[in-house]
Amino acid sequence: MPARQANVKNKQQYEALKEKGMSKERAAKIANSRINTHPISPLAA
């Protein structure tokens, strides 16, 4: 069976978090979070 690949919106951020030692599950949650997918957050205003 082939290895499963993570399905994340922000692959670059996901890989960086994994390299820092974060678990795959937590890194995927952060990389998929809505606030990380938009360059300008409405919360920042």
PDB file of N, CA and C in Angstrom:
ATOM      1  N   MET A   1       0.842  -1.171   0.000  1.00  0.00           N
ATOM      2  CA  MET A   1       0.000   0.000   0.000  1.00  0.00           C
ATOM      3  C   MET A   1       0.901   1.253   0.000  1.00  0.00           C
ATOM      4  N   PRO A   2       0.605   2.231  -0.855  1.00  0.00           N
ATOM      5  CA  PRO A   2       1.435   3.428  -0.902  1.00  0.00           C
ATOM      6  C   PRO A   2       1.258   4.264   0.369  1.00  0.00           C
ATOM      7  N   ALA A   3       2.288   5.019   0.699  1.00  0.00           N
ATOM      8  CA  ALA A   3       2.229   5.888   1.880  1.00  0.00           C
ATOM      9  C   ALA A   3       1.203   6.991   1.658  1.00  0.00           C
ATOM     10  N   ARG A   4       0.478   7.333   2.717  1.00  0.00           N
ATOM     11  CA  ARG A   4      -0.512   8.404   2.623  1.00  0.00           C
ATOM     12  C   ARG A   4       0.197   9.745   2.681  1.00  0.00           C
ATOM     13  N   GLN A   5      -0.297  10.674   1.885  1.00  0.00           N
ATOM     14  CA  GLN A   5       0.273  12.007   1.855  1.00  0.00           C
ATOM     15  C   GLN A   5      -0.697  12.958   2.555  1.00  0.00           C
ATOM     16  N   ALA A   6      -0.160  13.869   3.340  1.00  0.00           N
ATOM     17  CA  ALA A   6      -1.010  14.805   4.064  1.00  0.00           C
ATOM     18  C   ALA A   6      -1.740  15.719   3.083  1.00  0.00           C
ATOM     19  N   ASN A   7      -3.019  15.954   3.351  1.00  0.00           N
ATOM     20  CA  ASN A   7      -3.821  16.836   2.526  1.00  0.00           C
ATOM     21  C   ASN A   7      -3.978  18.157   3.278  1.00  0.00           C
ATOM     22  N   VAL A   8      -3.054  19.085   3.019  1.00  0.00           N
ATOM     23  CA  VAL A   8      -3.061  20.361   3.725  1.00  0.00           C
ATOM     24  C   VAL A   8      -3.121  21.517   2.736  1.00  0.00           C
ATOM     25  N   LYS A   9      -3.673  22.639   3.195  1.00  0.00           N
ATOM     26  CA  LYS A   9      -3.793  23.819   2.339  1.00  0.00           C
ATOM     27  C   LYS A   9      -2.462  24.535   2.185  1.00  0.00           C
ATOM     28  N   ASN A  10      -1.687  24.574   3.246  1.00  0.00           N
ATOM     29  CA  ASN A  10      -0.425  25.298   3.232  1.00  0.00           C
ATOM     30  C   ASN A  10       0.712  24.304   3.477  1.00  0.00           C
ATOM     31  N   LYS A  11       1.158  23.654   2.407  1.00  0.00           N
ATOM     32  CA  LYS A  11       2.175  22.601   2.512  1.00  0.00           C
ATOM     33  C   LYS A  11       3.502  23.117   3.052  1.00  0.00           C
ATOM     34  N   GLN A  12       3.870  24.323   2.663  1.00  0.00           N
ATOM     35  CA  GLN A  12       5.143  24.891   3.109  1.00  0.00           C
ATOM     36  C   GLN A  12       5.132  25.063   4.631  1.00  0.00           C
ATOM     37  N   GLN A  13       4.061  25.590   5.170  1.00  0.00           N
ATOM     38  CA  GLN A  13       3.956  25.777   6.610  1.00  0.00           C
ATOM     39  C   GLN A  13       3.908  24.421   7.321  1.00  0.00           C
ATOM     40  N   TYR A  14       3.187  23.468   6.754  1.00  0.00           N
ATOM     41  CA  TYR A  14       3.084  22.128   7.326  1.00  0.00           C
ATOM     42  C   TYR A  14       4.466  21.489   7.452  1.00  0.00           C
ATOM     43  N   GLU A  15       5.252  21.551   6.389  1.00  0.00           N
ATOM     44  CA  GLU A  15       6.590  20.958   6.408  1.00  0.00           C
ATOM     45  C   GLU A  15       7.491  21.660   7.422  1.00  0.00           C
ATOM     46  N   ALA A  16       7.393  22.981   7.510  1.00  0.00           N
ATOM     47  CA  ALA A  16       8.220  23.729   8.459  1.00  0.00           C
ATOM     48  C   ALA A  16       7.879  23.351   9.903  1.00  0.00           C
ATOM     49  N   LEU A  17       6.615  23.194  10.182  1.00  0.00           N
ATOM     50  CA  LEU A  17       6.203  22.818  11.538  1.00  0.00           C
ATOM     51  C   LEU A  17       6.661  21.406  11.885  1.00  0.00           C
ATOM     52  N   LYS A  18       6.591  20.492  10.920  1.00  0.00           N
ATOM     53  CA  LYS A  18       7.067  19.127  11.161  1.00  0.00           C
ATOM     54  C   LYS A  18       8.568  19.123  11.426  1.00  0.00           C
ATOM     55  N   GLU A  19       9.322  19.935  10.679  1.00  0.00           N
ATOM     56  CA  GLU A  19      10.776  20.007  10.874  1.00  0.00           C
ATOM     57  C   GLU A  19      11.133  20.526  12.259  1.00  0.00           C
ATOM     58  N   LYS A  20      10.264  21.364  12.830  1.00  0.00           N
ATOM     59  CA  LYS A  20      10.502  21.899  14.174  1.00  0.00           C
ATOM     60  C   LYS A  20      10.113  20.903  15.262  1.00  0.00           C
ATOM     61  N   GLY A  21       9.601  19.739  14.855  1.00  0.00           N
ATOM     62  CA  GLY A  21       9.297  18.696  15.812  1.00  0.00           C
ATOM     63  C   GLY A  21       7.830  18.563  16.167  1.00  0.00           C
ATOM     64  N   MET A  22       6.964  19.293  15.521  1.00  0.00           N
ATOM     65  CA  MET A  22       5.539  19.215  15.800  1.00  0.00           C
ATOM     66  C   MET A  22       4.968  17.930  15.198  1.00  0.00           C
ATOM     67  N   SER A  23       3.940  17.383  15.837  1.00  0.00           N
ATOM     68  CA  SER A  23       3.319  16.166  15.322  1.00  0.00           C
ATOM     69  C   SER A  23       2.647  16.456  13.977  1.00  0.00           C
ATOM     70  N   LYS A  24       2.495  15.421  13.178  1.00  0.00           N
ATOM     71  CA  LYS A  24       1.867  15.574  11.861  1.00  0.00           C
ATOM     72  C   LYS A  24       0.444  16.095  11.995  1.00  0.00           C
ATOM     73  N   GLU A  25      -0.289  15.554  12.968  1.00  0.00           N
ATOM     74  CA  GLU A  25      -1.689  15.952  13.141  1.00  0.00           C
ATOM     75  C   GLU A  25      -1.807  17.425  13.522  1.00  0.00           C
ATOM     76  N   ARG A  26      -0.991  17.857  14.479  1.00  0.00           N
ATOM     77  CA  ARG A  26      -1.065  19.254  14.922  1.00  0.00           C
ATOM     78  C   ARG A  26      -0.592  20.203  13.823  1.00  0.00           C
ATOM     79  N   ALA A  27       0.480  19.836  13.122  1.00  0.00           N
ATOM     80  CA  ALA A  27       0.982  20.659  12.024  1.00  0.00           C
ATOM     81  C   ALA A  27      -0.073  20.813  10.934  1.00  0.00           C
ATOM     82  N   ALA A  28      -0.797  19.739  10.641  1.00  0.00           N
ATOM     83  CA  ALA A  28      -1.847  19.797   9.613  1.00  0.00           C
ATOM     84  C   ALA A  28      -2.990  20.704  10.058  1.00  0.00           C
ATOM     85  N   LYS A  29      -3.372  20.629  11.326  1.00  0.00           N
ATOM     86  CA  LYS A  29      -4.448  21.489  11.828  1.00  0.00           C
ATOM     87  C   LYS A  29      -4.074  22.960  11.693  1.00  0.00           C
ATOM     88  N   ILE A  30      -2.839  23.282  12.032  1.00  0.00           N
ATOM     89  CA  ILE A  30      -2.395  24.674  11.946  1.00  0.00           C
ATOM     90  C   ILE A  30      -2.298  25.115  10.495  1.00  0.00           C
ATOM     91  N   ALA A  31      -1.731  24.279   9.632  1.00  0.00           N
ATOM     92  CA  ALA A  31      -1.574  24.626   8.217  1.00  0.00           C
ATOM     93  C   ALA A  31      -2.916  24.757   7.506  1.00  0.00           C
ATOM     94  N   ASN A  32      -3.942  24.094   8.017  1.00  0.00           N
ATOM     95  CA  ASN A  32      -5.268  24.153   7.406  1.00  0.00           C
ATOM     96  C   ASN A  32      -6.170  25.209   8.026  1.00  0.00           C
ATOM     97  N   SER A  33      -5.716  25.835   9.087  1.00  0.00           N
ATOM     98  CA  SER A  33      -6.586  26.800   9.759  1.00  0.00           C
ATOM     99  C   SER A  33      -6.881  27.985   8.851  1.00  0.00           C
ATOM    100  N   ARG A  34      -8.065  28.523   8.960  1.00  0.00           N
ATOM    101  CA  ARG A  34      -8.546  29.594   8.079  1.00  0.00           C
ATOM    102  C   ARG A  34      -7.669  30.847   8.178  1.00  0.00           C
ATOM    103  N   ILE A  35      -7.225  31.207   9.358  1.00  0.00           N
ATOM    104  CA  ILE A  35      -6.454  32.437   9.532  1.00  0.00           C
ATOM    105  C   ILE A  35      -5.117  32.365   8.785  1.00  0.00           C
ATOM    106  N   ASN A  36      -4.591  31.163   8.568  1.00  0.00           N
ATOM    107  CA  ASN A  36      -3.320  31.018   7.867  1.00  0.00           C
ATOM    108  C   ASN A  36      -3.463  30.978   6.349  1.00  0.00           C
ATOM    109  N   THR A  37      -4.684  30.927   5.831  1.00  0.00           N
ATOM    110  CA  THR A  37      -4.856  30.812   4.387  1.00  0.00           C
ATOM    111  C   THR A  37      -5.061  32.159   3.706  1.00  0.00           C
ATOM    112  N   HIS A  38      -5.261  33.229   4.487  1.00  0.00           N
ATOM    113  CA  HIS A  38      -5.501  34.541   3.914  1.00  0.00           C
ATOM    114  C   HIS A  38      -4.358  35.482   4.277  1.00  0.00           C
ATOM    115  N   PRO A  39      -3.795  36.198   3.302  1.00  0.00           N
ATOM    116  CA  PRO A  39      -2.672  37.082   3.585  1.00  0.00           C
ATOM    117  C   PRO A  39      -3.036  38.208   4.554  1.00  0.00           C
ATOM    118  N   ILE A  40      -4.264  38.684   4.491  1.00  0.00           N
ATOM    119  CA  ILE A  40      -4.695  39.751   5.398  1.00  0.00           C
ATOM    120  C   ILE A  40      -5.889  39.235   6.193  1.00  0.00           C
ATOM    121  N   SER A  41      -5.680  39.108   7.482  1.00  0.00           N
ATOM    122  CA  SER A  41      -6.727  38.577   8.334  1.00  0.00           C
ATOM    123  C   SER A  41      -7.675  39.694   8.760  1.00  0.00           C
ATOM    124  N   PRO A  42      -8.983  39.442   8.765  1.00  0.00           N
ATOM    125  CA  PRO A  42      -9.923  40.462   9.238  1.00  0.00           C
ATOM    126  C   PRO A  42      -9.731  40.743  10.725  1.00  0.00           C
ATOM    127  N   LEU A  43      -9.093  39.809  11.453  1.00  0.00           N
ATOM    128  CA  LEU A  43      -8.847  40.002  12.873  1.00  0.00           C
ATOM    129  C   LEU A  43      -7.718  40.989  13.129  1.00  0.00           C
ATOM    130  N   ALA A  44      -6.886  41.225  12.127  1.00  0.00           N
ATOM    131  CA  ALA A  44      -5.737  42.111  12.292  1.00  0.00           C
ATOM    132  C   ALA A  44      -6.128  43.580  12.196  1.00  0.00           C
ATOM    133  N   ALA A  45      -7.299  43.876  11.685  1.00  0.00           N
ATOM    134  CA  ALA A  45      -7.718  45.264  11.481  1.00  0.00           C
ATOM    135  C   ALA A  45      -8.109  45.944  12.769  1.00  0.00           C
TER     136      ALA A  45
END
